[in-house]
N, C-alpha and C. Protein backbone atom coordinates (compact mmCIF):
# COMPACT_ATOMS: atom_id res chain seq x y z
N MET A 1 29.18 85.26 -205.26
CA MET A 1 27.74 85.22 -205.48
C MET A 1 27.18 86.58 -205.11
N LEU A 2 26.46 87.19 -206.05
CA LEU A 2 25.94 88.54 -205.87
C LEU A 2 24.42 88.49 -205.89
N ALA A 3 23.79 89.13 -204.91
CA ALA A 3 22.33 89.14 -204.83
C ALA A 3 21.85 90.54 -204.46
N ASN A 4 20.75 90.96 -205.09
CA ASN A 4 20.22 92.28 -204.74
C ASN A 4 19.40 92.21 -203.46
N ARG A 5 19.36 93.32 -202.74
CA ARG A 5 18.65 93.41 -201.45
C ARG A 5 17.37 94.24 -201.58
N LEU A 6 16.83 94.29 -202.81
CA LEU A 6 15.71 95.19 -203.07
C LEU A 6 14.51 94.87 -202.17
N LYS A 7 14.18 93.62 -201.99
CA LYS A 7 13.04 93.25 -201.15
C LYS A 7 13.24 93.75 -199.72
N ILE A 8 14.46 93.61 -199.22
CA ILE A 8 14.77 94.05 -197.86
C ILE A 8 14.70 95.57 -197.76
N LEU A 9 15.26 96.25 -198.76
CA LEU A 9 15.28 97.71 -198.76
C LEU A 9 13.87 98.28 -198.80
N LEU A 10 12.99 97.65 -199.55
CA LEU A 10 11.60 98.11 -199.62
C LEU A 10 10.90 97.91 -198.27
N ALA A 11 11.12 96.75 -197.66
CA ALA A 11 10.49 96.47 -196.37
C ALA A 11 10.97 97.45 -195.30
N GLU A 12 12.26 97.77 -195.33
CA GLU A 12 12.81 98.70 -194.34
C GLU A 12 12.20 100.09 -194.47
N ARG A 13 11.77 100.44 -195.69
CA ARG A 13 11.25 101.78 -195.95
C ARG A 13 9.73 101.81 -196.10
N ASP A 14 9.11 100.66 -195.92
CA ASP A 14 7.66 100.55 -196.05
C ASP A 14 7.21 101.04 -197.43
N LEU A 15 7.94 100.62 -198.45
CA LEU A 15 7.64 101.00 -199.83
C LEU A 15 7.08 99.80 -200.59
N THR A 16 6.37 100.08 -201.66
CA THR A 16 5.80 99.02 -202.50
C THR A 16 6.40 99.08 -203.90
N ILE A 17 6.15 98.05 -204.67
CA ILE A 17 6.59 98.04 -206.06
C ILE A 17 5.92 99.18 -206.83
N LYS A 18 4.69 99.49 -206.47
CA LYS A 18 3.99 100.61 -207.12
C LYS A 18 4.73 101.91 -206.88
N ASP A 19 5.26 102.10 -205.68
CA ASP A 19 6.04 103.31 -205.37
C ASP A 19 7.27 103.39 -206.27
N LEU A 20 7.94 102.23 -206.44
CA LEU A 20 9.13 102.19 -207.30
C LEU A 20 8.78 102.48 -208.75
N MET A 21 7.69 101.92 -209.21
CA MET A 21 7.26 102.17 -210.59
C MET A 21 7.09 103.66 -210.83
N LYS A 22 6.41 104.32 -209.93
CA LYS A 22 6.13 105.75 -210.08
C LYS A 22 7.41 106.58 -210.04
N ALA A 23 8.35 106.19 -209.16
CA ALA A 23 9.56 107.00 -208.97
C ALA A 23 10.63 106.75 -210.02
N THR A 24 10.71 105.52 -210.54
CA THR A 24 11.81 105.17 -211.44
C THR A 24 11.40 104.96 -212.89
N GLY A 25 10.11 104.74 -213.12
CA GLY A 25 9.66 104.47 -214.48
C GLY A 25 9.88 103.03 -214.92
N LEU A 26 10.38 102.20 -214.02
CA LEU A 26 10.60 100.79 -214.37
C LEU A 26 9.26 100.04 -214.34
N SER A 27 9.16 98.99 -215.15
CA SER A 27 7.91 98.25 -215.26
C SER A 27 7.66 97.37 -214.04
N ARG A 28 6.40 97.03 -213.82
CA ARG A 28 6.04 96.16 -212.70
C ARG A 28 6.70 94.79 -212.86
N ASN A 29 6.73 94.26 -214.08
CA ASN A 29 7.32 92.93 -214.30
C ASN A 29 8.79 92.93 -213.94
N SER A 30 9.52 93.98 -214.37
CA SER A 30 10.95 94.06 -214.08
C SER A 30 11.20 94.15 -212.58
N LEU A 31 10.44 95.00 -211.92
CA LEU A 31 10.63 95.19 -210.48
C LEU A 31 10.23 93.94 -209.70
N SER A 32 9.13 93.30 -210.11
CA SER A 32 8.70 92.07 -209.44
C SER A 32 9.77 90.99 -209.57
N ASN A 33 10.39 90.91 -210.74
CA ASN A 33 11.45 89.93 -210.95
C ASN A 33 12.65 90.20 -210.04
N MET A 34 13.00 91.48 -209.89
CA MET A 34 14.12 91.83 -209.01
C MET A 34 13.82 91.49 -207.55
N VAL A 35 12.58 91.78 -207.13
CA VAL A 35 12.19 91.54 -205.74
C VAL A 35 12.12 90.05 -205.44
N ASN A 36 11.55 89.28 -206.36
CA ASN A 36 11.34 87.84 -206.12
C ASN A 36 12.54 86.98 -206.46
N ASN A 37 13.46 87.52 -207.24
CA ASN A 37 14.66 86.77 -207.63
C ASN A 37 15.89 87.63 -207.34
N PRO A 38 16.50 87.47 -206.17
CA PRO A 38 17.66 88.28 -205.81
C PRO A 38 18.83 88.15 -206.77
N PHE A 39 18.84 87.08 -207.57
CA PHE A 39 19.96 86.86 -208.49
C PHE A 39 19.64 87.33 -209.91
N ALA A 40 18.54 88.05 -210.06
CA ALA A 40 18.16 88.57 -211.39
C ALA A 40 19.22 89.54 -211.90
N THR A 41 19.44 89.51 -213.20
CA THR A 41 20.35 90.45 -213.83
C THR A 41 19.68 91.82 -213.95
N ILE A 42 20.35 92.86 -213.48
CA ILE A 42 19.78 94.21 -213.51
C ILE A 42 20.73 95.13 -214.26
N ALA A 43 20.20 95.84 -215.23
CA ALA A 43 21.01 96.78 -216.00
C ALA A 43 21.58 97.86 -215.08
N ILE A 44 22.79 98.29 -215.38
CA ILE A 44 23.48 99.29 -214.54
C ILE A 44 22.64 100.56 -214.40
N ASP A 45 22.02 100.98 -215.49
CA ASP A 45 21.20 102.19 -215.44
C ASP A 45 20.04 102.04 -214.46
N ASN A 46 19.47 100.83 -214.42
CA ASN A 46 18.35 100.59 -213.49
C ASN A 46 18.83 100.53 -212.04
N VAL A 47 20.02 99.97 -211.83
CA VAL A 47 20.60 99.97 -210.49
C VAL A 47 20.81 101.41 -210.03
N ASP A 48 21.29 102.24 -210.94
CA ASP A 48 21.51 103.66 -210.62
C ASP A 48 20.21 104.34 -210.22
N LYS A 49 19.14 104.09 -210.96
CA LYS A 49 17.84 104.69 -210.65
C LYS A 49 17.33 104.24 -209.28
N LEU A 50 17.47 102.94 -209.01
CA LEU A 50 16.98 102.41 -207.75
C LEU A 50 17.79 102.91 -206.57
N CYS A 51 19.11 102.94 -206.73
CA CYS A 51 19.97 103.44 -205.65
C CYS A 51 19.68 104.92 -205.36
N ASN A 52 19.45 105.68 -206.43
CA ASN A 52 19.17 107.10 -206.27
C ASN A 52 17.88 107.32 -205.50
N TYR A 53 16.85 106.58 -205.87
CA TYR A 53 15.55 106.75 -205.21
C TYR A 53 15.59 106.25 -203.76
N LEU A 54 16.27 105.12 -203.53
CA LEU A 54 16.31 104.53 -202.20
C LEU A 54 17.39 105.17 -201.31
N GLU A 55 18.20 106.03 -201.93
CA GLU A 55 19.28 106.73 -201.22
C GLU A 55 20.27 105.76 -200.57
N VAL A 56 20.72 104.82 -201.40
CA VAL A 56 21.73 103.86 -200.95
C VAL A 56 22.83 103.79 -202.01
N SER A 57 23.96 103.27 -201.64
CA SER A 57 25.05 103.05 -202.59
C SER A 57 24.91 101.63 -203.16
N PRO A 58 25.57 101.34 -204.28
CA PRO A 58 25.50 99.98 -204.84
C PRO A 58 25.94 98.91 -203.84
N LYS A 59 26.89 99.23 -202.95
CA LYS A 59 27.33 98.22 -201.98
C LYS A 59 26.24 97.91 -200.96
N ASP A 60 25.30 98.86 -200.77
CA ASP A 60 24.17 98.60 -199.88
C ASP A 60 23.00 97.96 -200.64
N PHE A 61 22.97 98.19 -201.95
CA PHE A 61 21.92 97.61 -202.77
C PHE A 61 22.15 96.11 -202.97
N TYR A 62 23.43 95.72 -203.01
CA TYR A 62 23.78 94.32 -203.24
C TYR A 62 24.34 93.67 -201.98
N ASP A 63 24.16 92.37 -201.91
CA ASP A 63 24.79 91.54 -200.89
C ASP A 63 25.75 90.60 -201.63
N TYR A 64 26.91 90.36 -201.02
CA TYR A 64 27.92 89.57 -201.74
C TYR A 64 28.49 88.47 -200.85
N SER A 65 28.65 87.30 -201.43
CA SER A 65 29.38 86.20 -200.80
C SER A 65 30.48 85.77 -201.75
N GLY A 66 31.66 85.48 -201.21
CA GLY A 66 32.78 85.05 -202.03
C GLY A 66 32.65 83.62 -202.52
N TRP A 67 31.55 82.95 -202.18
CA TRP A 67 31.33 81.56 -202.60
C TRP A 67 30.13 81.44 -203.52
N ARG A 68 30.25 80.55 -204.49
CA ARG A 68 29.13 80.18 -205.35
C ARG A 68 28.77 78.74 -205.04
N PHE A 69 27.46 78.43 -205.09
CA PHE A 69 27.00 77.10 -204.73
C PHE A 69 26.20 76.47 -205.87
N GLU A 70 26.41 75.18 -206.05
CA GLU A 70 25.62 74.41 -207.02
C GLU A 70 25.06 73.19 -206.30
N PHE A 71 23.76 72.97 -206.43
CA PHE A 71 23.09 71.85 -205.79
C PHE A 71 22.56 70.89 -206.85
N ASN A 72 22.79 69.60 -206.66
CA ASN A 72 22.26 68.59 -207.57
C ASN A 72 21.57 67.49 -206.76
N PHE A 73 20.34 67.19 -207.13
CA PHE A 73 19.54 66.16 -206.46
C PHE A 73 19.64 64.88 -207.28
N ASN A 74 20.12 63.81 -206.65
CA ASN A 74 20.35 62.55 -207.37
C ASN A 74 19.54 61.43 -206.72
N GLU A 75 18.52 60.98 -207.42
CA GLU A 75 17.67 59.91 -206.89
C GLU A 75 18.44 58.61 -206.77
N ILE A 76 18.23 57.90 -205.66
CA ILE A 76 18.83 56.58 -205.46
C ILE A 76 17.78 55.53 -205.81
N LYS A 77 18.18 54.55 -206.58
CA LYS A 77 17.24 53.50 -206.97
C LYS A 77 16.69 52.81 -205.74
N GLU A 78 15.39 52.57 -205.75
CA GLU A 78 14.73 51.98 -204.59
C GLU A 78 15.32 50.61 -204.26
N ASN A 79 15.61 50.40 -202.98
CA ASN A 79 16.12 49.12 -202.51
C ASN A 79 15.41 48.78 -201.20
N LYS A 80 14.37 47.96 -201.30
CA LYS A 80 13.54 47.65 -200.14
C LYS A 80 14.25 46.75 -199.14
N VAL A 81 15.30 46.09 -199.59
CA VAL A 81 16.01 45.15 -198.71
C VAL A 81 17.02 45.90 -197.83
N ILE A 82 17.87 46.74 -198.46
CA ILE A 82 18.92 47.42 -197.71
C ILE A 82 18.38 48.60 -196.91
N ASN A 83 17.74 49.55 -197.57
CA ASN A 83 17.19 50.70 -196.86
C ASN A 83 16.10 51.34 -197.71
N PRO A 84 14.85 51.00 -197.45
CA PRO A 84 13.75 51.56 -198.26
C PRO A 84 13.54 53.04 -198.03
N TYR A 85 14.16 53.61 -196.99
CA TYR A 85 13.96 55.02 -196.66
C TYR A 85 15.05 55.93 -197.21
N ASN A 86 16.02 55.33 -197.88
CA ASN A 86 17.10 56.10 -198.49
C ASN A 86 16.63 56.59 -199.86
N MET A 87 16.39 57.89 -200.00
CA MET A 87 15.76 58.43 -201.18
C MET A 87 16.73 58.95 -202.24
N ALA A 88 17.76 59.68 -201.78
CA ALA A 88 18.60 60.41 -202.74
C ALA A 88 19.89 60.87 -202.08
N THR A 89 20.74 61.45 -202.90
CA THR A 89 21.88 62.20 -202.40
C THR A 89 21.80 63.60 -202.97
N ILE A 90 22.27 64.56 -202.21
CA ILE A 90 22.40 65.93 -202.69
C ILE A 90 23.89 66.22 -202.83
N THR A 91 24.31 66.51 -204.03
CA THR A 91 25.71 66.85 -204.28
C THR A 91 25.83 68.37 -204.28
N ILE A 92 26.65 68.89 -203.40
CA ILE A 92 26.86 70.33 -203.30
C ILE A 92 28.28 70.67 -203.69
N THR A 93 28.42 71.59 -204.61
CA THR A 93 29.73 72.10 -205.00
C THR A 93 29.81 73.57 -204.62
N MET A 94 30.85 73.93 -203.90
CA MET A 94 31.05 75.33 -203.50
C MET A 94 32.41 75.79 -204.02
N VAL A 95 32.40 76.94 -204.67
CA VAL A 95 33.60 77.43 -205.36
C VAL A 95 33.89 78.86 -204.96
N SER A 96 35.15 79.14 -204.67
CA SER A 96 35.63 80.50 -204.42
C SER A 96 37.00 80.63 -205.06
N GLY A 97 37.07 81.39 -206.15
CA GLY A 97 38.34 81.50 -206.86
C GLY A 97 38.78 80.14 -207.37
N LYS A 98 39.97 79.70 -206.98
CA LYS A 98 40.50 78.40 -207.39
C LYS A 98 40.22 77.32 -206.35
N THR A 99 39.52 77.68 -205.28
CA THR A 99 39.20 76.72 -204.23
C THR A 99 37.83 76.11 -204.48
N GLU A 100 37.77 74.79 -204.44
CA GLU A 100 36.51 74.11 -204.72
C GLU A 100 36.33 72.92 -203.78
N PHE A 101 35.14 72.79 -203.23
CA PHE A 101 34.78 71.65 -202.40
C PHE A 101 33.52 71.01 -202.97
N THR A 102 33.51 69.69 -203.06
CA THR A 102 32.33 68.95 -203.48
C THR A 102 32.07 67.83 -202.48
N PHE A 103 30.83 67.70 -202.07
CA PHE A 103 30.50 66.66 -201.10
C PHE A 103 29.06 66.21 -201.31
N ASP A 104 28.74 65.05 -200.78
CA ASP A 104 27.40 64.49 -200.89
C ASP A 104 26.71 64.46 -199.53
N LEU A 105 25.42 64.71 -199.54
CA LEU A 105 24.59 64.57 -198.35
C LEU A 105 23.56 63.47 -198.62
N ASP A 106 23.40 62.57 -197.68
CA ASP A 106 22.42 61.50 -197.81
C ASP A 106 21.04 62.03 -197.40
N VAL A 107 20.03 61.63 -198.13
CA VAL A 107 18.66 62.07 -197.86
C VAL A 107 17.80 60.85 -197.53
N THR A 108 17.23 60.84 -196.34
CA THR A 108 16.32 59.77 -195.94
C THR A 108 14.97 60.36 -195.58
N ALA A 109 13.94 59.55 -195.74
CA ALA A 109 12.57 59.97 -195.43
C ALA A 109 11.90 58.90 -194.60
N LEU A 110 11.59 59.23 -193.35
CA LEU A 110 10.94 58.28 -192.44
C LEU A 110 9.48 58.65 -192.23
N PRO A 111 8.54 57.75 -192.59
CA PRO A 111 7.12 58.03 -192.37
C PRO A 111 6.80 58.00 -190.88
N HIS A 112 5.64 58.54 -190.52
CA HIS A 112 5.28 58.73 -189.11
C HIS A 112 5.28 57.43 -188.31
N ASN A 113 4.96 56.29 -188.96
CA ASN A 113 4.91 55.04 -188.21
C ASN A 113 6.29 54.48 -187.90
N ARG A 114 7.34 55.18 -188.37
CA ARG A 114 8.71 54.77 -188.06
C ARG A 114 9.39 55.77 -187.12
N LEU A 115 8.64 56.76 -186.68
CA LEU A 115 9.21 57.83 -185.87
C LEU A 115 8.95 57.61 -184.37
N LYS A 116 9.89 58.06 -183.57
CA LYS A 116 9.75 57.94 -182.13
C LYS A 116 9.42 59.28 -181.47
N ASP A 117 10.02 60.36 -182.00
CA ASP A 117 9.85 61.66 -181.33
C ASP A 117 9.48 62.77 -182.30
N GLN A 118 8.89 62.41 -183.45
CA GLN A 118 8.45 63.41 -184.43
C GLN A 118 6.95 63.26 -184.67
N LYS A 119 6.18 63.14 -183.59
CA LYS A 119 4.77 62.81 -183.69
C LYS A 119 3.94 63.89 -184.38
N SER A 120 4.45 65.11 -184.43
CA SER A 120 3.66 66.20 -185.00
C SER A 120 3.70 66.23 -186.52
N CYS A 121 4.51 65.37 -187.12
CA CYS A 121 4.63 65.39 -188.58
C CYS A 121 4.20 64.04 -189.16
N ASP A 122 3.92 64.05 -190.47
CA ASP A 122 3.58 62.82 -191.17
C ASP A 122 4.82 62.12 -191.70
N ILE A 123 5.86 62.89 -191.97
CA ILE A 123 7.10 62.31 -192.48
C ILE A 123 8.28 63.20 -192.08
N TYR A 124 9.39 62.57 -191.81
CA TYR A 124 10.58 63.28 -191.36
C TYR A 124 11.68 63.09 -192.39
N VAL A 125 12.21 64.18 -192.91
CA VAL A 125 13.28 64.13 -193.90
C VAL A 125 14.58 64.58 -193.24
N ASN A 126 15.58 63.72 -193.33
CA ASN A 126 16.88 64.02 -192.73
C ASN A 126 17.94 64.10 -193.82
N VAL A 127 18.77 65.14 -193.73
CA VAL A 127 19.90 65.31 -194.64
C VAL A 127 21.16 65.34 -193.81
N GLY A 128 22.15 64.57 -194.21
CA GLY A 128 23.39 64.57 -193.45
C GLY A 128 24.51 63.86 -194.19
N SER A 129 25.71 64.06 -193.71
CA SER A 129 26.90 63.46 -194.31
C SER A 129 27.44 62.37 -193.40
N LYS A 130 27.93 61.29 -194.01
CA LYS A 130 28.52 60.20 -193.24
C LYS A 130 29.96 60.50 -192.85
N ASN A 131 30.51 61.55 -193.40
CA ASN A 131 31.87 61.97 -193.07
C ASN A 131 31.85 63.46 -192.74
N GLU A 132 33.00 64.08 -192.73
CA GLU A 132 33.06 65.50 -192.39
C GLU A 132 33.39 66.37 -193.60
N LEU A 133 33.07 65.89 -194.78
CA LEU A 133 33.38 66.65 -195.99
C LEU A 133 32.53 67.91 -196.11
N ASP A 134 31.43 67.97 -195.36
CA ASP A 134 30.57 69.16 -195.43
C ASP A 134 30.93 70.20 -194.37
N LYS A 135 32.04 70.01 -193.66
CA LYS A 135 32.36 70.92 -192.55
C LYS A 135 32.61 72.35 -193.02
N HIS A 136 33.19 72.54 -194.21
CA HIS A 136 33.42 73.90 -194.72
C HIS A 136 32.09 74.58 -195.01
N PHE A 137 31.17 73.82 -195.58
CA PHE A 137 29.85 74.35 -195.90
C PHE A 137 29.11 74.74 -194.63
N VAL A 138 29.14 73.87 -193.62
CA VAL A 138 28.45 74.12 -192.36
C VAL A 138 29.02 75.35 -191.67
N SER A 139 30.35 75.44 -191.63
CA SER A 139 31.00 76.58 -191.00
C SER A 139 30.63 77.88 -191.71
N LEU A 140 30.63 77.84 -193.04
CA LEU A 140 30.29 79.03 -193.82
C LEU A 140 28.84 79.43 -193.57
N TYR A 141 27.94 78.44 -193.60
CA TYR A 141 26.52 78.72 -193.39
C TYR A 141 26.27 79.32 -192.01
N GLU A 142 26.90 78.77 -191.00
CA GLU A 142 26.62 79.20 -189.63
C GLU A 142 27.31 80.50 -189.25
N ASN A 143 28.46 80.79 -189.85
CA ASN A 143 29.28 81.90 -189.36
C ASN A 143 29.53 83.03 -190.35
N ASN A 144 29.42 82.77 -191.66
CA ASN A 144 29.90 83.77 -192.61
C ASN A 144 28.91 84.20 -193.69
N LEU A 145 27.71 83.68 -193.65
CA LEU A 145 26.73 84.07 -194.66
C LEU A 145 25.70 85.02 -194.08
N SER A 146 25.29 85.98 -194.89
CA SER A 146 24.25 86.92 -194.47
C SER A 146 22.91 86.19 -194.43
N PRO A 147 21.91 86.74 -193.74
CA PRO A 147 20.57 86.13 -193.73
C PRO A 147 20.00 85.93 -195.12
N LEU A 148 20.31 86.83 -196.05
CA LEU A 148 19.81 86.70 -197.41
C LEU A 148 20.32 85.44 -198.08
N PHE A 149 21.62 85.18 -197.97
CA PHE A 149 22.19 83.99 -198.61
C PHE A 149 21.80 82.72 -197.87
N LYS A 150 21.67 82.80 -196.54
CA LYS A 150 21.18 81.65 -195.79
C LYS A 150 19.78 81.27 -196.28
N HIS A 151 18.94 82.29 -196.47
CA HIS A 151 17.58 82.06 -196.92
C HIS A 151 17.55 81.38 -198.29
N GLN A 152 18.43 81.81 -199.18
CA GLN A 152 18.47 81.21 -200.51
C GLN A 152 18.89 79.74 -200.44
N ILE A 153 19.85 79.43 -199.58
CA ILE A 153 20.27 78.04 -199.41
C ILE A 153 19.14 77.20 -198.82
N GLU A 154 18.45 77.75 -197.85
CA GLU A 154 17.34 77.04 -197.23
C GLU A 154 16.21 76.79 -198.23
N LYS A 155 16.01 77.71 -199.15
CA LYS A 155 15.01 77.51 -200.21
C LYS A 155 15.38 76.34 -201.10
N ARG A 156 16.69 76.18 -201.38
CA ARG A 156 17.12 75.05 -202.19
C ARG A 156 16.87 73.73 -201.47
N PHE A 157 17.13 73.70 -200.17
CA PHE A 157 16.87 72.49 -199.41
C PHE A 157 15.37 72.19 -199.36
N LYS A 158 14.55 73.22 -199.24
CA LYS A 158 13.11 73.00 -199.24
C LYS A 158 12.66 72.39 -200.55
N SER A 159 13.18 72.92 -201.66
CA SER A 159 12.81 72.40 -202.98
C SER A 159 13.18 70.92 -203.09
N MET A 160 14.36 70.57 -202.61
CA MET A 160 14.80 69.17 -202.70
C MET A 160 14.06 68.28 -201.71
N THR A 161 13.59 68.85 -200.61
CA THR A 161 12.76 68.10 -199.68
C THR A 161 11.43 67.74 -200.33
N MET A 162 10.87 68.67 -201.10
CA MET A 162 9.62 68.39 -201.81
C MET A 162 9.82 67.26 -202.81
N LYS A 163 10.97 67.24 -203.49
CA LYS A 163 11.27 66.14 -204.41
C LYS A 163 11.38 64.82 -203.66
N THR A 164 11.96 64.87 -202.46
CA THR A 164 12.11 63.67 -201.65
C THR A 164 10.75 63.11 -201.25
N ILE A 165 9.83 63.98 -200.83
CA ILE A 165 8.49 63.52 -200.44
C ILE A 165 7.77 62.93 -201.65
N ASN A 166 7.97 63.54 -202.80
CA ASN A 166 7.38 63.03 -204.03
C ASN A 166 7.85 61.61 -204.31
N LEU A 167 9.15 61.37 -204.12
CA LEU A 167 9.69 60.01 -204.31
C LEU A 167 9.11 59.04 -203.29
N ALA A 168 9.08 59.47 -202.03
CA ALA A 168 8.56 58.61 -200.97
C ALA A 168 7.10 58.24 -201.24
N ASP A 169 6.34 59.21 -201.73
CA ASP A 169 4.93 58.96 -202.03
C ASP A 169 4.79 57.96 -203.17
N LYS A 170 5.60 58.13 -204.20
CA LYS A 170 5.56 57.22 -205.35
C LYS A 170 5.96 55.81 -204.94
N ARG A 171 6.84 55.70 -203.96
CA ARG A 171 7.33 54.38 -203.52
C ARG A 171 6.41 53.74 -202.47
N GLY A 172 5.32 54.40 -202.13
CA GLY A 172 4.33 53.80 -201.25
C GLY A 172 4.56 54.00 -199.77
N LEU A 173 5.53 54.84 -199.40
CA LEU A 173 5.81 55.03 -197.98
C LEU A 173 4.72 55.83 -197.27
N LEU A 174 3.88 56.49 -198.06
CA LEU A 174 2.83 57.33 -197.47
C LEU A 174 1.43 56.81 -197.80
N ASP A 175 1.35 55.54 -198.16
CA ASP A 175 0.07 54.99 -198.59
C ASP A 175 -1.01 55.04 -197.51
N ASP A 176 -0.61 54.99 -196.25
CA ASP A 176 -1.61 54.99 -195.19
C ASP A 176 -2.06 56.40 -194.81
N ILE A 177 -1.49 57.41 -195.48
CA ILE A 177 -1.90 58.80 -195.26
C ILE A 177 -2.87 59.18 -196.37
N LYS A 178 -4.11 59.38 -196.04
CA LYS A 178 -5.14 59.59 -197.05
C LYS A 178 -5.36 61.06 -197.41
N LYS A 179 -4.86 61.97 -196.60
CA LYS A 179 -5.06 63.39 -196.87
C LYS A 179 -4.11 63.88 -197.97
N ASN A 180 -4.45 65.01 -198.58
CA ASN A 180 -3.64 65.56 -199.66
C ASN A 180 -2.48 66.44 -199.17
N THR A 181 -2.65 67.03 -197.99
CA THR A 181 -1.57 67.87 -197.45
C THR A 181 -0.83 67.10 -196.36
N ILE A 182 0.47 67.00 -196.52
CA ILE A 182 1.30 66.18 -195.64
C ILE A 182 2.26 67.09 -194.88
N ASN A 183 2.29 66.94 -193.57
CA ASN A 183 3.18 67.74 -192.72
C ASN A 183 4.57 67.12 -192.69
N VAL A 184 5.56 67.94 -193.01
CA VAL A 184 6.93 67.47 -193.15
C VAL A 184 7.84 68.16 -192.12
N ALA A 185 8.63 67.37 -191.41
CA ALA A 185 9.67 67.92 -190.54
C ALA A 185 11.00 67.68 -191.24
N PHE A 186 11.80 68.73 -191.36
CA PHE A 186 13.09 68.64 -192.05
C PHE A 186 14.22 68.96 -191.09
N GLU A 187 15.32 68.23 -191.24
CA GLU A 187 16.52 68.53 -190.45
C GLU A 187 17.77 68.24 -191.27
N TYR A 188 18.69 69.20 -191.25
CA TYR A 188 20.04 68.99 -191.79
C TYR A 188 20.95 68.89 -190.58
N ASN A 189 21.56 67.71 -190.39
CA ASN A 189 22.41 67.46 -189.24
C ASN A 189 23.79 67.08 -189.72
N ASP A 190 24.82 67.72 -189.17
CA ASP A 190 26.19 67.44 -189.60
C ASP A 190 26.84 66.30 -188.82
N GLY A 191 26.04 65.62 -188.00
CA GLY A 191 26.57 64.50 -187.22
C GLY A 191 26.82 64.85 -185.78
N SER A 192 26.94 66.14 -185.50
CA SER A 192 27.17 66.57 -184.12
C SER A 192 26.04 67.47 -183.61
N HIS A 193 25.37 68.17 -184.52
CA HIS A 193 24.26 69.04 -184.12
C HIS A 193 23.43 69.40 -185.35
N PRO A 194 22.18 69.81 -185.15
CA PRO A 194 21.36 70.25 -186.28
C PRO A 194 21.90 71.57 -186.85
N VAL A 195 22.15 71.59 -188.13
CA VAL A 195 22.59 72.81 -188.80
C VAL A 195 21.39 73.74 -188.95
N PHE A 196 20.29 73.21 -189.46
CA PHE A 196 19.02 73.95 -189.39
C PHE A 196 17.86 72.98 -189.54
N GLN A 197 16.72 73.40 -189.04
CA GLN A 197 15.50 72.61 -189.06
C GLN A 197 14.36 73.47 -189.57
N ASP A 198 13.35 72.83 -190.13
CA ASP A 198 12.18 73.58 -190.59
C ASP A 198 11.00 72.62 -190.73
N ASN A 199 9.82 73.19 -190.90
CA ASN A 199 8.61 72.41 -191.14
C ASN A 199 7.96 72.89 -192.42
N TYR A 200 7.53 71.94 -193.24
CA TYR A 200 6.92 72.26 -194.52
C TYR A 200 5.58 71.54 -194.64
N VAL A 201 4.83 71.96 -195.65
CA VAL A 201 3.60 71.26 -196.01
C VAL A 201 3.74 70.81 -197.46
N TYR A 202 3.61 69.52 -197.68
CA TYR A 202 3.66 68.95 -199.03
C TYR A 202 2.24 68.73 -199.52
N ASP A 203 1.95 69.28 -200.69
CA ASP A 203 0.62 69.15 -201.29
C ASP A 203 0.67 68.15 -202.43
N ARG A 204 -0.05 67.08 -202.30
CA ARG A 204 -0.03 66.03 -203.32
C ARG A 204 -0.57 66.51 -204.66
N ASN A 205 -1.31 67.61 -204.67
CA ASN A 205 -1.87 68.12 -205.91
C ASN A 205 -0.88 68.98 -206.69
N GLU A 206 0.23 69.35 -206.02
CA GLU A 206 1.25 70.16 -206.70
C GLU A 206 2.24 69.28 -207.43
N LYS A 207 2.93 69.88 -208.41
CA LYS A 207 3.97 69.18 -209.14
C LYS A 207 5.33 69.67 -208.67
N TYR A 208 6.17 68.75 -208.26
CA TYR A 208 7.51 69.10 -207.79
C TYR A 208 8.52 68.45 -208.72
N LEU A 209 9.17 69.28 -209.52
CA LEU A 209 10.09 68.77 -210.54
C LEU A 209 11.51 68.74 -210.02
């Protein structure tokens, strides 16, 4: 997995997209796409221009991980009898060369009236595995990924958390919450410790696909 570090390089040098436009002749749209999407395809000639201006080599311009990740969000049909808080599974596939691991994470959403120690949030979303099939992913995330790739993975979990809240809202779990902005506490736990935690705000007026 290859990602550009342009946003980081600009921040380190206190430079703006306007500075890059003036120095390289590249358009604002192209540069904005590179900055906001680390996985954007960049022509070799443009990489050369950017490296020259920023005084870095291509190996410093790019960040690389030997693993590629695919995330799939799979809604679970509502079952009010067995577990009304079980929303979905997240299937993660990680590939490096001929090595491939695929595992599922269970996604549950507990509203505030079901919480004991999450009083600061309106709903708590938990992601975790019932077995240890995610141990390679957890080890890689905690020990071998750069902050850039960790951030990209966390963005994927945030996106799927928003989908989870959308499902919970549609299923009536948040009916007693009358406000439009909902405070969300998120945790990915591997069964022994939290892998990472975060807090989000879900806006009922937004569309989460």
